[in-house]
Amino acid sequence: MLLSRLQHLLGGIYDVRIAHDVYDFLVTDRGRLPHAARSGVADEELLVAQPADGSDEVVMSLYLDPALLERLRREDPLRRLHAGNLADCWTALEGVSHFLYLAWNAGHDRPVSLLELEMQAEVDKYVVSYWLLRRQFPQRFPAELRRMLFERTRIDPRLARGRAGLYREASRYAEKFCRRLEKSLSRAAGGAAAAGESGVLAELRRFYRLTHARKRAHIERQSSS
């Protein structure tokens, strides 16, 4: 199933494993969400709560719009990613990214900030889209991908809920990181692709495991070098 395959793809890229499948946490009926979330308009929403008893357990649900999932079933991006399914793919991928990153960090007793969660999701959109496009169209480097993700997308104020500044900051940091990745991947595409992509994988796996503060410091160091 698509979401499990996206989870498996992300897990393979970052070499992370969790004991749970995203479908075990999926909700497609807004009527089953907590009352405060039922009036939302977003096609994707990760809901996180801690039990009232004060335990360290984290309770998660991932809402995805059923119409979006049906469109992706008809136009599977893992078979062919194209302009017609790209936005839907990014929406679903954002939910899977949030789920995997939060679950993996919770399994390692590491706190996660909202900014960190959103920044990682933006990086994941770029990385997964790149991997899919290069495997579906191996003779072509997707040079337009970073611009489409970071320059041509806009924040919907209806969905931002007062967090537009946070989303812009997450996108800014992710764009800086992906700009550097793009240069490495472009060089690899023109030479020893397997060796070049192996180096990028190592970089991605290190980045995934950094704390929030170290992620930002790493990006700033890269940008200034």
N, C-alpha and C. Protein backbone atom coordinates (compact mmCIF):
# COMPACT_ATOMS: atom_id res chain seq x y z
N MET A 1 0.85 -1.19 0.00
CA MET A 1 0.00 0.00 0.00
C MET A 1 0.89 1.25 0.00
N LEU A 2 0.38 2.32 -0.60
CA LEU A 2 1.22 3.48 -0.91
C LEU A 2 1.92 4.05 0.32
N LEU A 3 1.18 4.30 1.39
CA LEU A 3 1.79 4.95 2.55
C LEU A 3 2.87 4.08 3.18
N SER A 4 2.63 2.77 3.24
CA SER A 4 3.65 1.86 3.77
C SER A 4 4.88 1.86 2.88
N ARG A 5 4.67 1.95 1.57
CA ARG A 5 5.80 1.99 0.65
C ARG A 5 6.59 3.28 0.81
N LEU A 6 5.89 4.40 1.03
CA LEU A 6 6.59 5.66 1.29
C LEU A 6 7.37 5.58 2.61
N GLN A 7 6.77 4.98 3.62
CA GLN A 7 7.47 4.79 4.89
C GLN A 7 8.71 3.92 4.70
N HIS A 8 8.56 2.86 3.92
CA HIS A 8 9.70 1.97 3.66
C HIS A 8 10.79 2.70 2.89
N LEU A 9 10.39 3.54 1.92
CA LEU A 9 11.37 4.28 1.13
C LEU A 9 12.14 5.26 2.02
N LEU A 10 11.42 6.02 2.84
CA LEU A 10 12.09 6.94 3.76
C LEU A 10 12.99 6.19 4.73
N GLY A 11 12.48 5.08 5.26
CA GLY A 11 13.28 4.30 6.19
C GLY A 11 14.55 3.78 5.57
N GLY A 12 14.47 3.40 4.29
CA GLY A 12 15.66 2.93 3.59
C GLY A 12 16.66 4.04 3.33
N ILE A 13 16.18 5.21 2.95
CA ILE A 13 17.07 6.34 2.70
C ILE A 13 17.84 6.71 3.96
N TYR A 14 17.12 6.78 5.08
CA TYR A 14 17.74 7.25 6.32
C TYR A 14 18.25 6.11 7.21
N ASP A 15 18.02 4.88 6.79
CA ASP A 15 18.43 3.71 7.58
C ASP A 15 17.83 3.77 8.98
N VAL A 16 16.51 3.99 9.03
CA VAL A 16 15.79 3.99 10.31
C VAL A 16 14.64 2.99 10.22
N ARG A 17 14.38 2.35 11.34
CA ARG A 17 13.29 1.38 11.42
C ARG A 17 12.48 1.66 12.67
N ILE A 18 11.17 1.50 12.56
CA ILE A 18 10.30 1.58 13.72
C ILE A 18 9.40 0.34 13.72
N ALA A 19 8.79 0.07 14.85
CA ALA A 19 8.00 -1.16 14.99
C ALA A 19 6.60 -1.03 14.43
N HIS A 20 6.21 0.16 13.99
CA HIS A 20 4.82 0.40 13.61
C HIS A 20 4.70 0.76 12.13
N ASP A 21 3.55 0.44 11.57
CA ASP A 21 3.22 0.82 10.21
C ASP A 21 2.27 2.01 10.24
N VAL A 22 2.48 2.95 9.34
CA VAL A 22 1.69 4.17 9.33
C VAL A 22 0.19 3.90 9.22
N TYR A 23 -0.20 2.81 8.55
CA TYR A 23 -1.63 2.53 8.40
C TYR A 23 -2.30 2.21 9.72
N ASP A 24 -1.53 1.77 10.71
CA ASP A 24 -2.11 1.50 12.02
C ASP A 24 -2.55 2.78 12.73
N PHE A 25 -2.09 3.93 12.23
CA PHE A 25 -2.39 5.22 12.87
C PHE A 25 -3.21 6.13 11.94
N LEU A 26 -3.59 5.61 10.79
CA LEU A 26 -4.27 6.43 9.78
C LEU A 26 -5.76 6.60 10.10
N VAL A 27 -6.21 7.84 9.96
CA VAL A 27 -7.63 8.18 10.07
C VAL A 27 -8.03 8.91 8.80
N THR A 28 -9.12 8.50 8.18
CA THR A 28 -9.58 9.17 6.96
C THR A 28 -10.97 9.79 7.13
N ASP A 29 -11.53 9.68 8.32
CA ASP A 29 -12.85 10.24 8.62
C ASP A 29 -12.67 11.31 9.69
N ARG A 30 -12.87 12.56 9.31
CA ARG A 30 -12.67 13.65 10.28
C ARG A 30 -13.60 13.52 11.49
N GLY A 31 -14.71 12.84 11.30
CA GLY A 31 -15.64 12.65 12.41
C GLY A 31 -15.07 11.81 13.53
N ARG A 32 -13.99 11.08 13.26
CA ARG A 32 -13.36 10.25 14.28
C ARG A 32 -12.21 10.97 14.99
N LEU A 33 -11.91 12.17 14.55
CA LEU A 33 -10.84 12.95 15.18
C LEU A 33 -11.35 13.61 16.45
N PRO A 34 -10.44 14.03 17.33
CA PRO A 34 -10.87 14.82 18.49
C PRO A 34 -11.71 16.01 18.05
N HIS A 35 -12.63 16.42 18.88
CA HIS A 35 -13.61 17.45 18.50
C HIS A 35 -12.94 18.72 17.97
N ALA A 36 -11.85 19.14 18.58
CA ALA A 36 -11.19 20.38 18.17
C ALA A 36 -10.60 20.31 16.77
N ALA A 37 -10.37 19.10 16.25
CA ALA A 37 -9.74 18.94 14.93
C ALA A 37 -10.75 18.65 13.83
N ARG A 38 -12.00 18.49 14.17
CA ARG A 38 -12.98 18.06 13.17
C ARG A 38 -13.33 19.15 12.16
N SER A 39 -13.12 20.40 12.53
CA SER A 39 -13.47 21.49 11.62
C SER A 39 -12.30 21.89 10.72
N GLY A 40 -11.20 21.17 10.77
CA GLY A 40 -10.03 21.51 9.96
C GLY A 40 -10.28 21.33 8.49
N VAL A 41 -9.45 21.98 7.68
CA VAL A 41 -9.62 21.91 6.22
C VAL A 41 -8.41 21.31 5.53
N ALA A 42 -7.38 20.98 6.30
CA ALA A 42 -6.16 20.44 5.70
C ALA A 42 -6.37 19.01 5.22
N ASP A 43 -5.73 18.66 4.11
CA ASP A 43 -5.78 17.30 3.60
C ASP A 43 -4.90 16.36 4.42
N GLU A 44 -3.97 16.93 5.20
CA GLU A 44 -3.06 16.12 6.02
C GLU A 44 -2.89 16.79 7.36
N GLU A 45 -2.94 15.98 8.42
CA GLU A 45 -2.75 16.53 9.75
C GLU A 45 -2.29 15.42 10.69
N LEU A 46 -1.18 15.66 11.38
CA LEU A 46 -0.70 14.73 12.39
C LEU A 46 -1.14 15.24 13.75
N LEU A 47 -1.86 14.41 14.48
CA LEU A 47 -2.36 14.78 15.80
C LEU A 47 -1.55 14.03 16.85
N VAL A 48 -1.02 14.75 17.81
CA VAL A 48 -0.15 14.17 18.83
C VAL A 48 -0.67 14.60 20.19
N ALA A 49 -0.72 13.64 21.11
CA ALA A 49 -1.17 13.94 22.48
C ALA A 49 -0.44 13.03 23.45
N GLN A 50 -0.40 13.46 24.70
CA GLN A 50 0.14 12.63 25.78
C GLN A 50 -1.00 12.32 26.73
N PRO A 51 -1.03 11.10 27.26
CA PRO A 51 -2.12 10.72 28.17
C PRO A 51 -2.20 11.64 29.38
N ALA A 52 -3.40 11.77 29.93
CA ALA A 52 -3.62 12.65 31.07
C ALA A 52 -2.93 12.14 32.33
N ASP A 53 -2.52 10.87 32.33
CA ASP A 53 -1.88 10.33 33.53
C ASP A 53 -0.43 10.78 33.68
N GLY A 54 0.08 11.56 32.70
CA GLY A 54 1.42 12.09 32.80
C GLY A 54 2.51 11.14 32.36
N SER A 55 2.16 10.01 31.79
CA SER A 55 3.17 9.06 31.33
C SER A 55 3.90 9.61 30.11
N ASP A 56 5.02 8.99 29.77
CA ASP A 56 5.83 9.45 28.64
C ASP A 56 5.31 8.94 27.30
N GLU A 57 4.27 8.16 27.31
CA GLU A 57 3.73 7.61 26.08
C GLU A 57 3.21 8.72 25.16
N VAL A 58 3.44 8.57 23.86
CA VAL A 58 2.95 9.52 22.87
C VAL A 58 1.85 8.85 22.05
N VAL A 59 0.74 9.52 21.92
CA VAL A 59 -0.40 9.00 21.15
C VAL A 59 -0.49 9.80 19.86
N MET A 60 -0.50 9.10 18.72
CA MET A 60 -0.52 9.77 17.43
C MET A 60 -1.67 9.27 16.56
N SER A 61 -2.18 10.17 15.74
CA SER A 61 -3.08 9.80 14.65
C SER A 61 -2.68 10.63 13.44
N LEU A 62 -2.69 10.02 12.27
CA LEU A 62 -2.40 10.75 11.03
C LEU A 62 -3.68 10.81 10.21
N TYR A 63 -4.18 12.03 10.00
CA TYR A 63 -5.35 12.20 9.14
C TYR A 63 -4.90 12.51 7.72
N LEU A 64 -5.46 11.77 6.75
CA LEU A 64 -5.29 12.09 5.34
C LEU A 64 -6.65 12.03 4.67
N ASP A 65 -6.89 13.00 3.82
CA ASP A 65 -8.17 13.10 3.14
C ASP A 65 -8.39 11.89 2.23
N PRO A 66 -9.54 11.22 2.33
CA PRO A 66 -9.76 10.02 1.51
C PRO A 66 -9.75 10.29 0.01
N ALA A 67 -10.19 11.48 -0.42
CA ALA A 67 -10.16 11.81 -1.84
C ALA A 67 -8.72 11.90 -2.34
N LEU A 68 -7.84 12.45 -1.52
CA LEU A 68 -6.42 12.51 -1.88
C LEU A 68 -5.85 11.11 -2.04
N LEU A 69 -6.16 10.22 -1.11
CA LEU A 69 -5.65 8.85 -1.19
C LEU A 69 -6.19 8.13 -2.41
N GLU A 70 -7.43 8.41 -2.78
CA GLU A 70 -8.00 7.78 -3.97
C GLU A 70 -7.31 8.28 -5.23
N ARG A 71 -7.00 9.59 -5.28
CA ARG A 71 -6.29 10.12 -6.44
C ARG A 71 -4.91 9.47 -6.56
N LEU A 72 -4.24 9.30 -5.44
CA LEU A 72 -2.92 8.67 -5.47
C LEU A 72 -3.00 7.18 -5.80
N ARG A 73 -4.10 6.55 -5.45
CA ARG A 73 -4.28 5.15 -5.84
C ARG A 73 -4.37 5.03 -7.35
N ARG A 74 -5.06 6.00 -7.98
CA ARG A 74 -5.22 5.97 -9.44
C ARG A 74 -3.93 6.39 -10.15
N GLU A 75 -3.20 7.35 -9.57
CA GLU A 75 -1.98 7.88 -10.18
C GLU A 75 -0.83 7.68 -9.19
N ASP A 76 -0.34 6.47 -9.11
CA ASP A 76 0.66 6.09 -8.12
C ASP A 76 2.00 6.79 -8.40
N PRO A 77 2.45 7.68 -7.51
CA PRO A 77 3.71 8.40 -7.77
C PRO A 77 4.94 7.49 -7.71
N LEU A 78 4.84 6.35 -7.05
CA LEU A 78 5.98 5.44 -7.02
C LEU A 78 6.14 4.70 -8.34
N ARG A 79 5.10 4.70 -9.14
CA ARG A 79 5.21 4.18 -10.50
C ARG A 79 5.60 5.29 -11.47
N ARG A 80 4.94 6.44 -11.33
CA ARG A 80 5.27 7.58 -12.20
C ARG A 80 4.89 8.86 -11.48
N LEU A 81 5.90 9.65 -11.16
CA LEU A 81 5.69 10.95 -10.53
C LEU A 81 5.63 12.00 -11.62
N HIS A 82 4.58 12.80 -11.64
CA HIS A 82 4.42 13.80 -12.69
C HIS A 82 3.68 15.01 -12.13
N ALA A 83 3.50 16.02 -12.95
CA ALA A 83 2.90 17.28 -12.49
C ALA A 83 1.50 17.07 -11.93
N GLY A 84 0.78 16.09 -12.45
CA GLY A 84 -0.59 15.87 -12.02
C GLY A 84 -0.74 15.24 -10.66
N ASN A 85 0.28 14.55 -10.18
CA ASN A 85 0.16 13.92 -8.85
C ASN A 85 1.22 14.41 -7.85
N LEU A 86 2.03 15.37 -8.27
CA LEU A 86 3.13 15.82 -7.42
C LEU A 86 2.64 16.44 -6.12
N ALA A 87 1.65 17.34 -6.19
CA ALA A 87 1.16 18.02 -4.99
C ALA A 87 0.55 17.01 -4.03
N ASP A 88 -0.24 16.08 -4.54
CA ASP A 88 -0.84 15.06 -3.68
C ASP A 88 0.23 14.18 -3.06
N CYS A 89 1.24 13.84 -3.84
CA CYS A 89 2.34 13.02 -3.32
C CYS A 89 3.04 13.74 -2.18
N TRP A 90 3.30 15.03 -2.34
CA TRP A 90 3.97 15.79 -1.28
C TRP A 90 3.11 15.86 -0.02
N THR A 91 1.79 15.98 -0.19
CA THR A 91 0.92 16.03 0.98
C THR A 91 0.97 14.72 1.75
N ALA A 92 0.82 13.61 1.04
CA ALA A 92 0.88 12.30 1.70
C ALA A 92 2.26 12.06 2.30
N LEU A 93 3.29 12.43 1.57
CA LEU A 93 4.66 12.22 2.04
C LEU A 93 4.93 13.05 3.30
N GLU A 94 4.38 14.24 3.37
CA GLU A 94 4.56 15.06 4.57
C GLU A 94 4.01 14.34 5.80
N GLY A 95 2.82 13.74 5.64
CA GLY A 95 2.24 13.01 6.76
C GLY A 95 3.07 11.82 7.17
N VAL A 96 3.55 11.06 6.20
CA VAL A 96 4.39 9.90 6.50
C VAL A 96 5.71 10.35 7.14
N SER A 97 6.27 11.42 6.62
CA SER A 97 7.52 11.97 7.18
C SER A 97 7.33 12.36 8.64
N HIS A 98 6.26 13.10 8.93
CA HIS A 98 5.98 13.49 10.31
C HIS A 98 5.85 12.26 11.21
N PHE A 99 5.08 11.28 10.74
CA PHE A 99 4.84 10.07 11.53
C PHE A 99 6.16 9.34 11.82
N LEU A 100 6.95 9.11 10.78
CA LEU A 100 8.18 8.34 10.95
C LEU A 100 9.18 9.08 11.84
N TYR A 101 9.34 10.37 11.59
CA TYR A 101 10.34 11.14 12.35
C TYR A 101 9.97 11.23 13.82
N LEU A 102 8.69 11.47 14.09
CA LEU A 102 8.25 11.58 15.47
C LEU A 102 8.35 10.22 16.17
N ALA A 103 7.92 9.15 15.49
CA ALA A 103 7.96 7.82 16.10
C ALA A 103 9.39 7.39 16.35
N TRP A 104 10.29 7.64 15.40
CA TRP A 104 11.69 7.23 15.58
C TRP A 104 12.34 7.98 16.73
N ASN A 105 12.11 9.28 16.80
CA ASN A 105 12.69 10.06 17.88
C ASN A 105 12.08 9.69 19.23
N ALA A 106 10.77 9.42 19.25
CA ALA A 106 10.14 9.00 20.51
C ALA A 106 10.74 7.68 20.99
N GLY A 107 11.05 6.79 20.05
CA GLY A 107 11.67 5.52 20.40
C GLY A 107 13.06 5.67 20.97
N HIS A 108 13.68 6.84 20.72
CA HIS A 108 15.02 7.11 21.25
C HIS A 108 14.97 8.17 22.35
N ASP A 109 13.76 8.42 22.88
CA ASP A 109 13.57 9.39 23.98
C ASP A 109 14.13 10.75 23.64
N ARG A 110 13.90 11.18 22.39
CA ARG A 110 14.38 12.49 21.96
C ARG A 110 13.20 13.40 21.67
N PRO A 111 13.20 14.60 22.25
CA PRO A 111 12.11 15.55 21.95
C PRO A 111 12.22 16.07 20.52
N VAL A 112 11.10 16.47 19.96
CA VAL A 112 11.05 17.00 18.59
C VAL A 112 10.26 18.29 18.60
N SER A 113 10.83 19.35 18.05
CA SER A 113 10.10 20.62 17.94
C SER A 113 9.29 20.63 16.65
N LEU A 114 8.29 21.49 16.62
CA LEU A 114 7.47 21.61 15.42
C LEU A 114 8.30 22.11 14.24
N LEU A 115 9.21 23.05 14.51
CA LEU A 115 10.08 23.56 13.45
C LEU A 115 10.93 22.44 12.87
N GLU A 116 11.50 21.62 13.72
CA GLU A 116 12.32 20.49 13.29
C GLU A 116 11.50 19.51 12.45
N LEU A 117 10.27 19.23 12.90
CA LEU A 117 9.39 18.30 12.19
C LEU A 117 9.09 18.80 10.78
N GLU A 118 8.78 20.09 10.68
CA GLU A 118 8.44 20.67 9.38
C GLU A 118 9.67 20.77 8.48
N MET A 119 10.81 21.11 9.05
CA MET A 119 12.03 21.21 8.25
C MET A 119 12.40 19.85 7.67
N GLN A 120 12.32 18.79 8.49
CA GLN A 120 12.65 17.46 8.00
C GLN A 120 11.68 17.02 6.91
N ALA A 121 10.42 17.37 7.05
CA ALA A 121 9.44 17.00 6.03
C ALA A 121 9.75 17.65 4.69
N GLU A 122 10.20 18.91 4.71
CA GLU A 122 10.55 19.58 3.46
C GLU A 122 11.77 18.93 2.81
N VAL A 123 12.75 18.57 3.63
CA VAL A 123 13.91 17.84 3.10
C VAL A 123 13.46 16.51 2.52
N ASP A 124 12.57 15.80 3.22
CA ASP A 124 12.09 14.50 2.75
C ASP A 124 11.37 14.62 1.41
N LYS A 125 10.60 15.67 1.22
CA LYS A 125 9.91 15.86 -0.06
C LYS A 125 10.92 15.97 -1.20
N TYR A 126 11.96 16.75 -0.97
CA TYR A 126 12.97 16.90 -2.01
C TYR A 126 13.68 15.58 -2.28
N VAL A 127 14.12 14.93 -1.22
CA VAL A 127 14.93 13.72 -1.37
C VAL A 127 14.14 12.59 -2.02
N VAL A 128 12.94 12.35 -1.55
CA VAL A 128 12.12 11.26 -2.12
C VAL A 128 11.76 11.56 -3.56
N SER A 129 11.39 12.80 -3.85
CA SER A 129 11.04 13.16 -5.23
C SER A 129 12.24 12.99 -6.15
N TYR A 130 13.41 13.39 -5.67
CA TYR A 130 14.62 13.20 -6.47
C TYR A 130 14.85 11.72 -6.74
N TRP A 131 14.78 10.91 -5.71
CA TRP A 131 15.03 9.46 -5.88
C TRP A 131 14.04 8.84 -6.87
N LEU A 132 12.77 9.24 -6.77
CA LEU A 132 11.76 8.69 -7.68
C LEU A 132 12.02 9.13 -9.12
N LEU A 133 12.27 10.41 -9.30
CA LEU A 133 12.45 10.92 -10.66
C LEU A 133 13.70 10.36 -11.31
N ARG A 134 14.76 10.20 -10.55
CA ARG A 134 15.99 9.66 -11.13
C ARG A 134 15.83 8.19 -11.52
N ARG A 135 15.01 7.47 -10.78
CA ARG A 135 14.80 6.06 -11.12
C ARG A 135 13.76 5.88 -12.21
N GLN A 136 12.83 6.79 -12.29
CA GLN A 136 11.82 6.71 -13.35
C GLN A 136 12.32 7.30 -14.67
N PHE A 137 13.20 8.29 -14.57
CA PHE A 137 13.76 8.95 -15.76
C PHE A 137 15.28 9.06 -15.59
N PRO A 138 15.99 7.94 -15.67
CA PRO A 138 17.42 7.91 -15.30
C PRO A 138 18.32 8.77 -16.19
N GLN A 139 17.87 9.14 -17.37
CA GLN A 139 18.71 9.94 -18.26
C GLN A 139 18.58 11.44 -18.00
N ARG A 140 17.74 11.80 -17.05
CA ARG A 140 17.44 13.22 -16.85
C ARG A 140 17.65 13.62 -15.39
N PHE A 141 18.34 14.74 -15.16
CA PHE A 141 18.51 15.27 -13.81
C PHE A 141 17.38 16.26 -13.53
N PRO A 142 16.64 16.10 -12.44
CA PRO A 142 15.48 16.97 -12.16
C PRO A 142 15.90 18.32 -11.59
N ALA A 143 16.50 19.14 -12.43
CA ALA A 143 17.05 20.43 -11.97
C ALA A 143 15.96 21.38 -11.50
N GLU A 144 14.72 21.19 -11.95
CA GLU A 144 13.63 22.08 -11.59
C GLU A 144 13.03 21.76 -10.22
N LEU A 145 13.38 20.62 -9.65
CA LEU A 145 12.70 20.13 -8.45
C LEU A 145 12.82 21.07 -7.27
N ARG A 146 14.02 21.55 -6.98
CA ARG A 146 14.20 22.42 -5.82
C ARG A 146 13.42 23.72 -5.97
N ARG A 147 13.41 24.27 -7.17
CA ARG A 147 12.65 25.51 -7.40
C ARG A 147 11.15 25.27 -7.23
N MET A 148 10.67 24.16 -7.73
CA MET A 148 9.24 23.86 -7.60
C MET A 148 8.84 23.72 -6.13
N LEU A 149 9.69 23.09 -5.35
CA LEU A 149 9.35 22.84 -3.95
C LEU A 149 9.49 24.08 -3.10
N PHE A 150 10.53 24.85 -3.31
CA PHE A 150 10.82 25.94 -2.38
C PHE A 150 10.50 27.34 -2.92
N GLU A 151 10.40 27.49 -4.22
CA GLU A 151 10.16 28.83 -4.77
C GLU A 151 8.76 28.99 -5.35
N ARG A 152 8.15 27.91 -5.78
CA ARG A 152 6.85 28.01 -6.44
C ARG A 152 5.68 27.60 -5.57
N THR A 153 5.95 27.13 -4.37
CA THR A 153 4.86 26.77 -3.46
C THR A 153 4.59 27.93 -2.51
N ARG A 154 3.35 28.04 -2.08
CA ARG A 154 2.93 29.11 -1.19
C ARG A 154 2.22 28.54 0.02
N ILE A 155 2.34 29.21 1.15
CA ILE A 155 1.66 28.79 2.38
C ILE A 155 0.21 29.26 2.34
N ASP A 156 -0.71 28.33 2.51
CA ASP A 156 -2.13 28.66 2.55
C ASP A 156 -2.46 29.21 3.94
N PRO A 157 -2.87 30.48 4.04
CA PRO A 157 -3.13 31.05 5.37
C PRO A 157 -4.23 30.34 6.13
N ARG A 158 -5.14 29.67 5.40
CA ARG A 158 -6.21 28.92 6.08
C ARG A 158 -5.64 27.73 6.86
N LEU A 159 -4.52 27.20 6.37
CA LEU A 159 -3.93 26.01 6.99
C LEU A 159 -2.84 26.35 7.99
N ALA A 160 -2.30 27.57 7.91
CA ALA A 160 -1.14 27.92 8.73
C ALA A 160 -1.49 28.07 10.21
N ARG A 161 -2.73 28.48 10.51
CA ARG A 161 -3.18 28.63 11.90
C ARG A 161 -2.22 29.48 12.73
N GLY A 162 -1.80 30.59 12.14
CA GLY A 162 -0.90 31.48 12.85
C GLY A 162 0.54 31.04 12.87
N ARG A 163 0.88 30.00 12.14
CA ARG A 163 2.25 29.47 12.15
C ARG A 163 2.98 29.72 10.84
N ALA A 164 2.52 30.67 10.05
CA ALA A 164 3.13 30.91 8.75
C ALA A 164 4.62 31.23 8.88
N GLY A 165 4.99 32.00 9.90
CA GLY A 165 6.40 32.33 10.10
C GLY A 165 7.24 31.09 10.38
N LEU A 166 6.69 30.18 11.18
CA LEU A 166 7.41 28.95 11.48
C LEU A 166 7.60 28.12 10.21
N TYR A 167 6.56 28.02 9.38
CA TYR A 167 6.65 27.24 8.14
C TYR A 167 7.66 27.86 7.18
N ARG A 168 7.67 29.19 7.13
CA ARG A 168 8.64 29.86 6.25
C ARG A 168 10.06 29.60 6.73
N GLU A 169 10.26 29.64 8.04
CA GLU A 169 11.61 29.39 8.57
C GLU A 169 12.04 27.95 8.30
N ALA A 170 11.12 27.00 8.49
CA ALA A 170 11.44 25.60 8.20
C ALA A 170 11.80 25.43 6.73
N SER A 171 11.04 26.07 5.85
CA SER A 171 11.31 25.98 4.41
C SER A 171 12.64 26.62 4.06
N ARG A 172 12.96 27.72 4.73
CA ARG A 172 14.22 28.42 4.44
C ARG A 172 15.42 27.54 4.78
N TYR A 173 15.39 26.94 5.95
CA TYR A 173 16.50 26.06 6.34
C TYR A 173 16.58 24.83 5.44
N ALA A 174 15.41 24.24 5.15
CA ALA A 174 15.41 23.05 4.29
C ALA A 174 15.93 23.39 2.90
N GLU A 175 15.58 24.56 2.38
CA GLU A 175 16.04 24.95 1.04
C GLU A 175 17.55 25.09 1.01
N LYS A 176 18.12 25.68 2.06
CA LYS A 176 19.58 25.81 2.13
C LYS A 176 20.24 24.44 2.11
N PHE A 177 19.69 23.51 2.88
CA PHE A 177 20.26 22.16 2.93
C PHE A 177 20.13 21.46 1.59
N CYS A 178 18.95 21.58 0.97
CA CYS A 178 18.71 20.90 -0.31
C CYS A 178 19.49 21.53 -1.45
N ARG A 179 19.78 22.81 -1.35
CA ARG A 179 20.60 23.47 -2.37
C ARG A 179 21.99 22.82 -2.41
N ARG A 180 22.52 22.54 -1.22
CA ARG A 180 23.82 21.89 -1.14
C ARG A 180 23.73 20.45 -1.66
N LEU A 181 22.65 19.76 -1.30
CA LEU A 181 22.44 18.40 -1.79
C LEU A 181 22.37 18.38 -3.32
N GLU A 182 21.64 19.34 -3.86
CA GLU A 182 21.47 19.41 -5.31
C GLU A 182 22.82 19.51 -6.02
N LYS A 183 23.72 20.30 -5.47
CA LYS A 183 25.04 20.44 -6.08
C LYS A 183 25.78 19.11 -6.06
N SER A 184 25.72 18.40 -4.92
CA SER A 184 26.39 17.11 -4.82
C SER A 184 25.77 16.09 -5.76
N LEU A 185 24.45 16.08 -5.84
CA LEU A 185 23.76 15.13 -6.71
C LEU A 185 23.99 15.44 -8.17
N SER A 186 24.07 16.72 -8.51
CA SER A 186 24.33 17.11 -9.88
C SER A 186 25.72 16.67 -10.32
N ARG A 187 26.69 16.83 -9.44
CA ARG A 187 28.04 16.35 -9.77
C ARG A 187 28.06 14.84 -9.93
N ALA A 188 27.32 14.15 -9.07
CA ALA A 188 27.27 12.69 -9.15
C ALA A 188 26.62 12.24 -10.44
N ALA A 189 25.60 12.95 -10.89
CA ALA A 189 24.89 12.58 -12.12
C ALA A 189 25.79 12.70 -13.33
N GLY A 190 26.78 13.57 -13.24
CA GLY A 190 27.69 13.75 -14.37
C GLY A 190 28.91 12.87 -14.31
N GLY A 191 29.02 12.07 -13.25
CA GLY A 191 30.20 11.21 -13.12
C GLY A 191 29.83 9.86 -12.56
N ALA A 192 30.47 9.49 -11.45
CA ALA A 192 30.22 8.19 -10.81
C ALA A 192 28.97 8.31 -9.95
N ALA A 193 27.80 8.11 -10.56
CA ALA A 193 26.52 8.35 -9.89
C ALA A 193 26.37 7.52 -8.63
N ALA A 194 26.71 6.23 -8.69
CA ALA A 194 26.53 5.37 -7.53
C ALA A 194 27.36 5.84 -6.35
N ALA A 195 28.61 6.19 -6.61
CA ALA A 195 29.49 6.66 -5.54
C ALA A 195 29.01 8.00 -4.99
N GLY A 196 28.57 8.88 -5.90
CA GLY A 196 28.10 10.19 -5.46
C GLY A 196 26.84 10.09 -4.62
N GLU A 197 25.90 9.26 -5.03
CA GLU A 197 24.67 9.11 -4.27
C GLU A 197 24.94 8.42 -2.93
N SER A 198 25.92 7.56 -2.88
CA SER A 198 26.29 6.92 -1.62
C SER A 198 26.78 7.95 -0.62
N GLY A 199 27.55 8.92 -1.08
CA GLY A 199 28.01 9.99 -0.21
C GLY A 199 26.87 10.85 0.29
N VAL A 200 25.90 11.12 -0.60
CA VAL A 200 24.72 11.90 -0.20
C VAL A 200 23.90 11.14 0.82
N LEU A 201 23.75 9.83 0.64
CA LEU A 201 23.02 9.02 1.61
C LEU A 201 23.66 9.11 2.99
N ALA A 202 24.98 9.04 3.03
CA ALA A 202 25.68 9.14 4.31
C ALA A 202 25.42 10.49 4.96
N GLU A 203 25.42 11.56 4.16
CA GLU A 203 25.15 12.89 4.67
C GLU A 203 23.72 12.98 5.20
N LEU A 204 22.76 12.43 4.45
CA LEU A 204 21.36 12.47 4.88
C LEU A 204 21.15 11.72 6.19
N ARG A 205 21.80 10.60 6.33
CA ARG A 205 21.64 9.80 7.54
C ARG A 205 22.25 10.50 8.75
N ARG A 206 23.36 11.17 8.57
CA ARG A 206 23.93 11.95 9.67
C ARG A 206 22.99 13.08 10.06
N PHE A 207 22.48 13.77 9.06
CA PHE A 207 21.60 14.91 9.29
C PHE A 207 20.34 14.48 10.05
N TYR A 208 19.76 13.37 9.67
CA TYR A 208 18.52 12.88 10.29
C TYR A 208 18.69 12.69 11.79
N ARG A 209 19.89 12.29 12.19
CA ARG A 209 20.14 11.95 13.59
C ARG A 209 20.62 13.13 14.44
N LEU A 210 20.85 14.27 13.83
CA LEU A 210 21.26 15.45 14.59
C LEU A 210 20.09 16.01 15.39
N THR A 211 20.40 16.65 16.49
CA THR A 211 19.37 17.36 17.24
C THR A 211 18.94 18.60 16.45
N HIS A 212 17.86 19.20 16.89
CA HIS A 212 17.34 20.39 16.21
C HIS A 212 18.41 21.48 16.11
N ALA A 213 19.04 21.79 17.24
CA ALA A 213 20.04 22.86 17.24
C ALA A 213 21.22 22.52 16.33
N ARG A 214 21.64 21.27 16.34
CA ARG A 214 22.77 20.88 15.50
C ARG A 214 22.40 20.85 14.03
N LYS A 215 21.15 20.53 13.72
CA LYS A 215 20.70 20.61 12.32
C LYS A 215 20.86 22.03 11.80
N ARG A 216 20.36 22.98 12.55
CA ARG A 216 20.42 24.37 12.11
C ARG A 216 21.85 24.86 12.01
N ALA A 217 22.67 24.49 12.99
CA ALA A 217 24.08 24.89 12.95
C ALA A 217 24.80 24.26 11.75
N HIS A 218 24.47 23.01 11.46
CA HIS A 218 25.06 22.32 10.31
C HIS A 218 24.69 23.03 9.01
N ILE A 219 23.44 23.41 8.88
CA ILE A 219 22.98 24.09 7.66
C ILE A 219 23.68 25.45 7.52
N GLU A 220 23.79 26.18 8.62
CA GLU A 220 24.44 27.49 8.56
C GLU A 220 25.92 27.35 8.18
N ARG A 221 26.59 26.33 8.71
CA ARG A 221 27.99 26.11 8.35
C ARG A 221 28.12 25.79 6.86
N GLN A 222 27.22 24.94 6.36
CA GLN A 222 27.25 24.59 4.94
C GLN A 222 27.05 25.81 4.07
N SER A 223 26.11 26.67 4.49
CA SER A 223 25.76 27.84 3.68
C SER A 223 26.91 28.85 3.60
N SER A 224 27.70 28.90 4.65
CA SER A 224 28.78 29.89 4.68
C SER A 224 30.07 29.37 4.07
N SER A 225 30.13 28.06 3.79
CA SER A 225 31.38 27.50 3.24
C SER A 225 31.38 27.55 1.72
